[in-house]
Amino acid sequence: MASQHNPARTSSRLARSLGAIALMLAGILACAGAARADSAAQIREASAGALQHLYAAEPSTHELGEKAVAILVFPKIYKAGFVVGGEHGEGTLFKGREATGHYAIDAVSLGLQAGAQTFGYALFFMNHKSLAYLDQSDGWALGSGPSLVLWDKYTASSVSTTTLSQDVFAVPFGAQGLMAGMGLEGSKITRITP
Protein backbone atom coordinates (compact mmCIF):
# COMPACT_ATOMS: atom_id res chain seq x y z
CA MET A 1 0.00 0.00 0.00
CA ALA A 2 1.42 3.44 -0.99
CA SER A 3 2.06 5.84 1.84
CA GLN A 4 0.06 9.03 1.81
CA HIS A 5 1.61 12.48 2.04
CA ASN A 6 0.84 14.15 5.36
CA PRO A 7 1.44 17.95 5.18
CA ALA A 8 1.34 18.35 8.98
CA ARG A 9 4.05 15.70 9.45
CA THR A 10 6.23 17.28 6.74
CA SER A 11 5.82 20.73 8.29
CA SER A 12 6.73 19.34 11.72
CA ARG A 13 9.88 17.67 10.35
CA LEU A 14 10.89 20.89 8.61
CA ALA A 15 10.40 22.90 11.81
CA ARG A 16 12.50 20.39 13.81
CA SER A 17 15.23 20.47 11.16
CA LEU A 18 15.33 24.27 11.10
CA GLY A 19 15.37 24.34 14.90
CA ALA A 20 18.29 21.91 14.97
CA ILE A 21 20.19 24.01 12.40
CA ALA A 22 19.53 27.15 14.45
CA LEU A 23 20.78 25.55 17.66
CA MET A 24 23.85 24.17 15.92
CA LEU A 25 24.69 27.56 14.38
CA ALA A 26 24.13 29.34 17.70
CA GLY A 27 26.49 26.90 19.38
CA ILE A 28 29.15 27.37 16.70
CA LEU A 29 28.91 31.17 16.93
CA ALA A 30 28.99 31.09 20.74
CA CYS A 31 32.11 28.91 20.73
CA ALA A 32 33.73 31.11 18.08
CA GLY A 33 32.87 34.24 20.09
CA ALA A 34 34.36 32.75 23.25
CA ALA A 35 37.49 31.66 21.39
CA ARG A 36 37.89 35.16 19.88
CA ALA A 37 37.37 37.04 23.13
CA ASP A 38 40.36 39.35 23.41
CA SER A 39 41.78 41.40 26.24
CA ALA A 40 40.89 45.07 26.55
CA ALA A 41 44.35 46.05 25.30
CA GLN A 42 44.04 43.83 22.20
CA ILE A 43 40.58 45.19 21.37
CA ARG A 44 41.76 48.78 21.88
CA GLU A 45 44.87 48.26 19.72
CA ALA A 46 42.91 46.58 16.90
CA SER A 47 40.25 49.32 17.02
CA ALA A 48 42.79 52.16 16.93
CA GLY A 49 44.64 50.52 14.04
CA ALA A 50 41.41 49.98 12.09
CA LEU A 51 40.41 53.63 12.57
CA GLN A 52 43.78 54.88 11.30
CA HIS A 53 43.53 52.53 8.31
CA LEU A 54 40.00 53.83 7.60
CA TYR A 55 41.22 57.44 7.71
CA ALA A 56 44.00 56.58 5.23
CA ALA A 57 41.69 54.64 2.88
CA GLU A 58 38.74 57.09 3.04
CA PRO A 59 40.08 60.61 3.76
CA SER A 60 36.55 62.06 4.09
CA THR A 61 36.13 60.04 7.29
CA HIS A 62 38.99 61.96 8.91
CA GLU A 63 36.96 65.18 8.74
CA LEU A 64 33.98 63.28 10.09
CA GLY A 65 36.13 62.00 12.97
CA GLU A 66 37.29 65.52 13.83
CA LYS A 67 33.69 66.69 14.17
CA ALA A 68 32.41 63.60 16.06
CA VAL A 69 32.08 63.67 19.86
CA ALA A 70 33.00 59.95 19.96
CA ILE A 71 33.75 57.07 17.59
CA LEU A 72 32.88 53.42 18.22
CA VAL A 73 35.09 51.15 16.12
CA PHE A 74 34.46 47.45 15.52
CA PRO A 75 37.62 46.35 13.68
CA LYS A 76 36.31 42.91 12.79
CA ILE A 77 32.72 41.68 12.81
CA TYR A 78 32.26 37.99 12.03
CA LYS A 79 29.12 37.05 10.13
CA ALA A 80 28.14 33.49 9.17
CA GLY A 81 24.98 31.72 8.21
CA PHE A 82 23.15 28.96 6.45
CA VAL A 83 19.41 29.80 6.59
CA VAL A 84 20.00 31.00 10.18
CA GLY A 85 22.78 33.53 10.53
CA GLY A 86 24.59 35.42 13.21
CA GLU A 87 27.24 38.03 13.70
CA HIS A 88 29.56 39.08 16.49
CA GLY A 89 32.31 41.65 16.97
CA GLU A 90 34.04 43.58 19.72
CA GLY A 91 35.21 47.19 19.59
CA THR A 92 36.32 50.30 21.41
CA LEU A 93 34.68 53.69 22.00
CA PHE A 94 37.07 56.62 21.56
CA LYS A 95 36.48 60.15 22.82
CA GLY A 96 39.28 62.06 21.15
CA ARG A 97 42.31 59.80 21.43
CA GLU A 98 41.16 58.27 24.71
CA ALA A 99 39.56 54.80 24.82
CA THR A 100 36.59 55.08 27.18
CA GLY A 101 34.84 51.72 26.88
CA HIS A 102 34.46 48.43 25.06
CA TYR A 103 31.38 47.13 23.29
CA ALA A 104 30.11 44.02 21.54
CA ILE A 105 27.84 43.91 18.51
CA ASP A 106 25.63 40.84 17.99
CA ALA A 107 22.78 39.80 15.72
CA VAL A 108 20.84 36.70 14.70
CA SER A 109 18.91 36.53 11.43
CA LEU A 110 16.68 34.09 9.60
CA GLY A 111 16.27 33.99 5.83
CA LEU A 112 17.95 33.09 2.57
CA GLN A 113 21.64 33.33 3.36
CA ALA A 114 24.71 31.18 3.10
CA GLY A 115 28.36 31.91 3.63
CA ALA A 116 30.73 33.70 5.96
CA GLN A 117 32.48 37.06 5.98
CA THR A 118 34.31 39.56 8.13
CA PHE A 119 34.02 43.32 7.96
CA GLY A 120 34.48 46.35 10.16
CA TYR A 121 32.26 49.24 11.16
CA ALA A 122 32.98 52.66 12.62
CA LEU A 123 30.09 54.55 14.21
CA PHE A 124 30.66 58.31 14.42
CA PHE A 125 28.55 59.91 17.18
CA MET A 126 27.96 63.50 16.07
CA ASN A 127 26.30 64.85 19.21
CA HIS A 128 26.17 64.27 22.96
CA LYS A 129 22.50 63.22 22.83
CA SER A 130 23.25 60.15 20.68
CA LEU A 131 26.28 59.25 22.81
CA ALA A 132 24.19 59.56 25.98
CA TYR A 133 21.68 57.13 24.46
CA LEU A 134 24.47 54.57 23.95
CA ASP A 135 25.70 55.07 27.53
CA GLN A 136 22.26 54.92 29.15
CA SER A 137 20.59 52.14 27.15
CA ASP A 138 20.84 48.54 28.23
CA GLY A 139 22.02 47.59 24.76
CA TRP A 140 21.30 49.72 21.70
CA ALA A 141 19.20 47.86 19.13
CA LEU A 142 20.23 49.54 15.88
CA GLY A 143 17.21 50.89 14.06
CA SER A 144 15.79 52.33 17.29
CA GLY A 145 16.97 55.38 19.18
CA PRO A 146 19.34 57.84 17.47
CA SER A 147 19.16 58.19 13.69
CA LEU A 148 21.80 56.09 11.93
CA VAL A 149 22.96 57.14 8.46
CA LEU A 150 25.28 55.18 6.19
CA TRP A 151 28.36 57.22 5.21
CA ASP A 152 28.95 56.56 1.52
CA LYS A 153 30.62 58.34 -1.40
CA TYR A 154 27.51 60.50 -2.01
CA THR A 155 27.25 61.59 1.63
CA ALA A 156 30.99 62.25 1.77
CA SER A 157 30.84 64.44 -1.34
CA SER A 158 28.12 66.63 0.12
CA VAL A 159 29.50 67.30 3.60
CA SER A 160 28.01 70.39 5.17
CA THR A 161 26.81 71.54 8.55
CA THR A 162 23.38 70.19 7.55
CA THR A 163 24.60 66.67 6.77
CA LEU A 164 26.75 66.65 9.89
CA SER A 165 23.67 67.35 12.02
CA GLN A 166 22.74 63.65 11.90
CA ASP A 167 23.04 61.64 15.14
CA VAL A 168 25.31 58.78 14.05
CA PHE A 169 27.14 57.95 10.82
CA ALA A 170 27.97 54.29 10.12
CA VAL A 171 31.00 53.59 7.94
CA PRO A 172 31.60 49.99 6.79
CA PHE A 173 35.11 48.92 5.82
CA GLY A 174 37.34 45.95 5.08
CA ALA A 175 34.75 43.45 3.78
CA GLN A 176 36.12 39.97 3.12
CA GLY A 177 34.27 36.74 2.55
CA LEU A 178 31.49 35.04 0.65
CA MET A 179 28.31 36.52 2.17
CA ALA A 180 26.78 39.62 0.61
CA GLY A 181 25.62 42.51 2.76
CA MET A 182 27.08 44.29 5.75
CA GLY A 183 23.90 45.84 7.13
CA LEU A 184 23.58 46.54 10.83
CA GLU A 185 19.77 46.45 11.04
CA GLY A 186 18.75 44.12 13.84
CA SER A 187 22.15 44.29 15.52
CA LYS A 188 22.47 45.09 19.20
CA ILE A 189 25.39 46.93 20.78
CA THR A 190 26.12 46.32 24.46
CA ARG A 191 28.89 47.48 26.78
CA ILE A 192 31.33 44.74 27.80
CA THR A 193 34.21 44.35 30.24
CA PRO A 194 36.87 42.25 28.51
C-alpha atoms as a PDB file:
ATOM      1  CA  MET A   1       0.000   0.000   0.000  1.00  0.00           C
ATOM      2  CA  ALA A   2       1.424   3.439  -0.990  1.00  0.00           C
ATOM      3  CA  SER A   3       2.064   5.836   1.842  1.00  0.00           C
ATOM      4  CA  GLN A   4       0.058   9.030   1.806  1.00  0.00           C
ATOM      5  CA  HIS A   5       1.612  12.477   2.042  1.00  0.00           C
ATOM      6  CA  ASN A   6       0.841  14.150   5.356  1.00  0.00           C
ATOM      7  CA  PRO A   7       1.436  17.946   5.183  1.00  0.00           C
ATOM      8  CA  ALA A   8       1.340  18.354   8.981  1.00  0.00           C
ATOM      9  CA  ARG A   9       4.045  15.699   9.453  1.00  0.00           C
ATOM     10  CA  THR A  10       6.233  17.282   6.735  1.00  0.00           C
ATOM     11  CA  SER A  11       5.819  20.728   8.292  1.00  0.00           C
ATOM     12  CA  SER A  12       6.726  19.340  11.721  1.00  0.00           C
ATOM     13  CA  ARG A  13       9.884  17.671  10.346  1.00  0.00           C
ATOM     14  CA  LEU A  14      10.893  20.892   8.609  1.00  0.00           C
ATOM     15  CA  ALA A  15      10.395  22.899  11.811  1.00  0.00           C
ATOM     16  CA  ARG A  16      12.495  20.391  13.810  1.00  0.00           C
ATOM     17  CA  SER A  17      15.235  20.469  11.162  1.00  0.00           C
ATOM     18  CA  LEU A  18      15.330  24.268  11.104  1.00  0.00           C
ATOM     19  CA  GLY A  19      15.366  24.336  14.902  1.00  0.00           C
ATOM     20  CA  ALA A  20      18.294  21.908  14.974  1.00  0.00           C
ATOM     21  CA  ILE A  21      20.190  24.006  12.404  1.00  0.00           C
ATOM     22  CA  ALA A  22      19.526  27.151  14.445  1.00  0.00           C
ATOM     23  CA  LEU A  23      20.777  25.553  17.663  1.00  0.00           C
ATOM     24  CA  MET A  24      23.845  24.168  15.918  1.00  0.00           C
ATOM     25  CA  LEU A  25      24.694  27.558  14.382  1.00  0.00           C
ATOM     26  CA  ALA A  26      24.125  29.344  17.696  1.00  0.00           C
ATOM     27  CA  GLY A  27      26.491  26.896  19.379  1.00  0.00           C
ATOM     28  CA  ILE A  28      29.149  27.368  16.705  1.00  0.00           C
ATOM     29  CA  LEU A  29      28.909  31.174  16.927  1.00  0.00           C
ATOM     30  CA  ALA A  30      28.993  31.088  20.735  1.00  0.00           C
ATOM     31  CA  CYS A  31      32.111  28.913  20.730  1.00  0.00           C
ATOM     32  CA  ALA A  32      33.727  31.112  18.081  1.00  0.00           C
ATOM     33  CA  GLY A  33      32.872  34.237  20.093  1.00  0.00           C
ATOM     34  CA  ALA A  34      34.356  32.752  23.253  1.00  0.00           C
ATOM     35  CA  ALA A  35      37.485  31.663  21.389  1.00  0.00           C
ATOM     36  CA  ARG A  36      37.887  35.159  19.881  1.00  0.00           C
ATOM     37  CA  ALA A  37      37.367  37.037  23.131  1.00  0.00           C
ATOM     38  CA  ASP A  38      40.358  39.349  23.410  1.00  0.00           C
ATOM     39  CA  SER A  39      41.784  41.401  26.239  1.00  0.00           C
ATOM     40  CA  ALA A  40      40.886  45.070  26.554  1.00  0.00           C
ATOM     41  CA  ALA A  41      44.351  46.052  25.300  1.00  0.00           C
ATOM     42  CA  GLN A  42      44.039  43.828  22.203  1.00  0.00           C
ATOM     43  CA  ILE A  43      40.578  45.186  21.372  1.00  0.00           C
ATOM     44  CA  ARG A  44      41.759  48.775  21.878  1.00  0.00           C
ATOM     45  CA  GLU A  45      44.873  48.257  19.723  1.00  0.00           C
ATOM     46  CA  ALA A  46      42.907  46.576  16.903  1.00  0.00           C
ATOM     47  CA  SER A  47      40.246  49.318  17.016  1.00  0.00           C
ATOM     48  CA  ALA A  48      42.786  52.164  16.934  1.00  0.00           C
ATOM     49  CA  GLY A  49      44.638  50.518  14.039  1.00  0.00           C
ATOM     50  CA  ALA A  50      41.410  49.979  12.093  1.00  0.00           C
ATOM     51  CA  LEU A  51      40.408  53.632  12.569  1.00  0.00           C
ATOM     52  CA  GLN A  52      43.783  54.878  11.303  1.00  0.00           C
ATOM     53  CA  HIS A  53      43.528  52.528   8.315  1.00  0.00           C
ATOM     54  CA  LEU A  54      39.996  53.828   7.598  1.00  0.00           C
ATOM     55  CA  TYR A  55      41.220  57.436   7.711  1.00  0.00           C
ATOM     56  CA  ALA A  56      43.997  56.581   5.228  1.00  0.00           C
ATOM     57  CA  ALA A  57      41.693  54.636   2.878  1.00  0.00           C
ATOM     58  CA  GLU A  58      38.737  57.094   3.045  1.00  0.00           C
ATOM     59  CA  PRO A  59      40.081  60.612   3.757  1.00  0.00           C
ATOM     60  CA  SER A  60      36.553  62.058   4.087  1.00  0.00           C
ATOM     61  CA  THR A  61      36.125  60.037   7.291  1.00  0.00           C
ATOM     62  CA  HIS A  62      38.991  61.959   8.907  1.00  0.00           C
ATOM     63  CA  GLU A  63      36.962  65.182   8.745  1.00  0.00           C
ATOM     64  CA  LEU A  64      33.983  63.276  10.088  1.00  0.00           C
ATOM     65  CA  GLY A  65      36.127  61.999  12.970  1.00  0.00           C
ATOM     66  CA  GLU A  66      37.290  65.515  13.834  1.00  0.00           C
ATOM     67  CA  LYS A  67      33.688  66.690  14.165  1.00  0.00           C
ATOM     68  CA  ALA A  68      32.408  63.603  16.059  1.00  0.00           C
ATOM     69  CA  VAL A  69      32.079  63.669  19.863  1.00  0.00           C
ATOM     70  CA  ALA A  70      33.003  59.952  19.958  1.00  0.00           C
ATOM     71  CA  ILE A  71      33.754  57.065  17.590  1.00  0.00           C
ATOM     72  CA  LEU A  72      32.878  53.420  18.217  1.00  0.00           C
ATOM     73  CA  VAL A  73      35.094  51.151  16.116  1.00  0.00           C
ATOM     74  CA  PHE A  74      34.463  47.451  15.516  1.00  0.00           C
ATOM     75  CA  PRO A  75      37.623  46.353  13.680  1.00  0.00           C
ATOM     76  CA  LYS A  76      36.310  42.914  12.794  1.00  0.00           C
ATOM     77  CA  ILE A  77      32.718  41.676  12.810  1.00  0.00           C
ATOM     78  CA  TYR A  78      32.264  37.985  12.027  1.00  0.00           C
ATOM     79  CA  LYS A  79      29.116  37.048  10.126  1.00  0.00           C
ATOM     80  CA  ALA A  80      28.141  33.490   9.172  1.00  0.00           C
ATOM     81  CA  GLY A  81      24.982  31.717   8.212  1.00  0.00           C
ATOM     82  CA  PHE A  82      23.153  28.964   6.455  1.00  0.00           C
ATOM     83  CA  VAL A  83      19.412  29.797   6.591  1.00  0.00           C
ATOM     84  CA  VAL A  84      19.999  31.002  10.176  1.00  0.00           C
ATOM     85  CA  GLY A  85      22.785  33.531  10.527  1.00  0.00           C
ATOM     86  CA  GLY A  86      24.588  35.419  13.210  1.00  0.00           C
ATOM     87  CA  GLU A  87      27.240  38.035  13.703  1.00  0.00           C
ATOM     88  CA  HIS A  88      29.564  39.084  16.493  1.00  0.00           C
ATOM     89  CA  GLY A  89      32.312  41.648  16.974  1.00  0.00           C
ATOM     90  CA  GLU A  90      34.041  43.584  19.724  1.00  0.00           C
ATOM     91  CA  GLY A  91      35.207  47.188  19.592  1.00  0.00           C
ATOM     92  CA  THR A  92      36.315  50.302  21.415  1.00  0.00           C
ATOM     93  CA  LEU A  93      34.680  53.685  22.005  1.00  0.00           C
ATOM     94  CA  PHE A  94      37.074  56.617  21.559  1.00  0.00           C
ATOM     95  CA  LYS A  95      36.483  60.152  22.821  1.00  0.00           C
ATOM     96  CA  GLY A  96      39.276  62.060  21.149  1.00  0.00           C
ATOM     97  CA  ARG A  97      42.310  59.801  21.428  1.00  0.00           C
ATOM     98  CA  GLU A  98      41.162  58.266  24.713  1.00  0.00           C
ATOM     99  CA  ALA A  99      39.561  54.802  24.817  1.00  0.00           C
ATOM    100  CA  THR A 100      36.587  55.077  27.180  1.00  0.00           C
ATOM    101  CA  GLY A 101      34.842  51.719  26.881  1.00  0.00           C
ATOM    102  CA  HIS A 102      34.465  48.427  25.064  1.00  0.00           C
ATOM    103  CA  TYR A 103      31.379  47.132  23.286  1.00  0.00           C
ATOM    104  CA  ALA A 104      30.113  44.021  21.536  1.00  0.00           C
ATOM    105  CA  ILE A 105      27.838  43.906  18.507  1.00  0.00           C
ATOM    106  CA  ASP A 106      25.635  40.837  17.989  1.00  0.00           C
ATOM    107  CA  ALA A 107      22.776  39.799  15.721  1.00  0.00           C
ATOM    108  CA  VAL A 108      20.843  36.699  14.701  1.00  0.00           C
ATOM    109  CA  SER A 109      18.909  36.533  11.432  1.00  0.00           C
ATOM    110  CA  LEU A 110      16.682  34.088   9.596  1.00  0.00           C
ATOM    111  CA  GLY A 111      16.273  33.993   5.831  1.00  0.00           C
ATOM    112  CA  LEU A 112      17.954  33.094   2.569  1.00  0.00           C
ATOM    113  CA  GLN A 113      21.644  33.332   3.364  1.00  0.00           C
ATOM    114  CA  ALA A 114      24.709  31.179   3.099  1.00  0.00           C
ATOM    115  CA  GLY A 115      28.362  31.907   3.634  1.00  0.00           C
ATOM    116  CA  ALA A 116      30.733  33.704   5.960  1.00  0.00           C
ATOM    117  CA  GLN A 117      32.476  37.059   5.977  1.00  0.00           C
ATOM    118  CA  THR A 118      34.307  39.555   8.132  1.00  0.00           C
ATOM    119  CA  PHE A 119      34.023  43.320   7.959  1.00  0.00           C
ATOM    120  CA  GLY A 120      34.481  46.355  10.161  1.00  0.00           C
ATOM    121  CA  TYR A 121      32.260  49.245  11.156  1.00  0.00           C
ATOM    122  CA  ALA A 122      32.979  52.659  12.621  1.00  0.00           C
ATOM    123  CA  LEU A 123      30.089  54.554  14.208  1.00  0.00           C
ATOM    124  CA  PHE A 124      30.663  58.312  14.422  1.00  0.00           C
ATOM    125  CA  PHE A 125      28.547  59.906  17.177  1.00  0.00           C
ATOM    126  CA  MET A 126      27.964  63.496  16.068  1.00  0.00           C
ATOM    127  CA  ASN A 127      26.298  64.851  19.211  1.00  0.00           C
ATOM    128  CA  HIS A 128      26.167  64.267  22.956  1.00  0.00           C
ATOM    129  CA  LYS A 129      22.500  63.216  22.835  1.00  0.00           C
ATOM    130  CA  SER A 130      23.247  60.151  20.683  1.00  0.00           C
ATOM    131  CA  LEU A 131      26.277  59.253  22.811  1.00  0.00           C
ATOM    132  CA  ALA A 132      24.187  59.557  25.984  1.00  0.00           C
ATOM    133  CA  TYR A 133      21.679  57.129  24.455  1.00  0.00           C
ATOM    134  CA  LEU A 134      24.467  54.568  23.951  1.00  0.00           C
ATOM    135  CA  ASP A 135      25.701  55.073  27.528  1.00  0.00           C
ATOM    136  CA  GLN A 136      22.255  54.921  29.147  1.00  0.00           C
ATOM    137  CA  SER A 137      20.595  52.142  27.147  1.00  0.00           C
ATOM    138  CA  ASP A 138      20.845  48.544  28.228  1.00  0.00           C
ATOM    139  CA  GLY A 139      22.024  47.587  24.760  1.00  0.00           C
ATOM    140  CA  TRP A 140      21.302  49.720  21.702  1.00  0.00           C
ATOM    141  CA  ALA A 141      19.199  47.861  19.125  1.00  0.00           C
ATOM    142  CA  LEU A 142      20.231  49.541  15.876  1.00  0.00           C
ATOM    143  CA  GLY A 143      17.214  50.886  14.064  1.00  0.00           C
ATOM    144  CA  SER A 144      15.793  52.327  17.289  1.00  0.00           C
ATOM    145  CA  GLY A 145      16.967  55.378  19.180  1.00  0.00           C
ATOM    146  CA  PRO A 146      19.339  57.836  17.473  1.00  0.00           C
ATOM    147  CA  SER A 147      19.161  58.192  13.694  1.00  0.00           C
ATOM    148  CA  LEU A 148      21.803  56.089  11.931  1.00  0.00           C
ATOM    149  CA  VAL A 149      22.962  57.144   8.457  1.00  0.00           C
ATOM    150  CA  LEU A 150      25.277  55.184   6.189  1.00  0.00           C
ATOM    151  CA  TRP A 151      28.359  57.225   5.205  1.00  0.00           C
ATOM    152  CA  ASP A 152      28.945  56.561   1.520  1.00  0.00           C
ATOM    153  CA  LYS A 153      30.617  58.342  -1.397  1.00  0.00           C
ATOM    154  CA  TYR A 154      27.512  60.498  -2.014  1.00  0.00           C
ATOM    155  CA  THR A 155      27.249  61.589   1.627  1.00  0.00           C
ATOM    156  CA  ALA A 156      30.994  62.253   1.772  1.00  0.00           C
ATOM    157  CA  SER A 157      30.840  64.439  -1.343  1.00  0.00           C
ATOM    158  CA  SER A 158      28.120  66.634   0.116  1.00  0.00           C
ATOM    159  CA  VAL A 159      29.495  67.298   3.603  1.00  0.00           C
ATOM    160  CA  SER A 160      28.008  70.388   5.167  1.00  0.00           C
ATOM    161  CA  THR A 161      26.811  71.545   8.548  1.00  0.00           C
ATOM    162  CA  THR A 162      23.384  70.188   7.550  1.00  0.00           C
ATOM    163  CA  THR A 163      24.603  66.670   6.766  1.00  0.00           C
ATOM    164  CA  LEU A 164      26.752  66.649   9.887  1.00  0.00           C
ATOM    165  CA  SER A 165      23.675  67.352  12.020  1.00  0.00           C
ATOM    166  CA  GLN A 166      22.739  63.650  11.901  1.00  0.00           C
ATOM    167  CA  ASP A 167      23.043  61.643  15.140  1.00  0.00           C
ATOM    168  CA  VAL A 168      25.315  58.781  14.054  1.00  0.00           C
ATOM    169  CA  PHE A 169      27.138  57.950  10.818  1.00  0.00           C
ATOM    170  CA  ALA A 170      27.972  54.295  10.120  1.00  0.00           C
ATOM    171  CA  VAL A 171      30.998  53.589   7.938  1.00  0.00           C
ATOM    172  CA  PRO A 172      31.599  49.989   6.792  1.00  0.00           C
ATOM    173  CA  PHE A 173      35.113  48.924   5.819  1.00  0.00           C
ATOM    174  CA  GLY A 174      37.339  45.946   5.077  1.00  0.00           C
ATOM    175  CA  ALA A 175      34.751  43.451   3.782  1.00  0.00           C
ATOM    176  CA  GLN A 176      36.119  39.969   3.122  1.00  0.00           C
ATOM    177  CA  GLY A 177      34.267  36.737   2.546  1.00  0.00           C
ATOM    178  CA  LEU A 178      31.494  35.039   0.652  1.00  0.00           C
ATOM    179  CA  MET A 179      28.311  36.524   2.165  1.00  0.00           C
ATOM    180  CA  ALA A 180      26.776  39.620   0.610  1.00  0.00           C
ATOM    181  CA  GLY A 181      25.621  42.508   2.758  1.00  0.00           C
ATOM    182  CA  MET A 182      27.076  44.289   5.752  1.00  0.00           C
ATOM    183  CA  GLY A 183      23.905  45.837   7.130  1.00  0.00           C
ATOM    184  CA  LEU A 184      23.576  46.538  10.833  1.00  0.00           C
ATOM    185  CA  GLU A 185      19.774  46.447  11.043  1.00  0.00           C
ATOM    186  CA  GLY A 186      18.745  44.116  13.843  1.00  0.00           C
ATOM    187  CA  SER A 187      22.150  44.292  15.520  1.00  0.00           C
ATOM    188  CA  LYS A 188      22.468  45.086  19.197  1.00  0.00           C
ATOM    189  CA  ILE A 189      25.390  46.931  20.784  1.00  0.00           C
ATOM    190  CA  THR A 190      26.124  46.320  24.456  1.00  0.00           C
ATOM    191  CA  ARG A 191      28.890  47.477  26.781  1.00  0.00           C
ATOM    192  CA  ILE A 192      31.329  44.737  27.801  1.00  0.00           C
ATOM    193  CA  THR A 193      34.215  44.352  30.242  1.00  0.00           C
ATOM    194  CA  PRO A 194      36.874  42.245  28.509  1.00  0.00           C
END
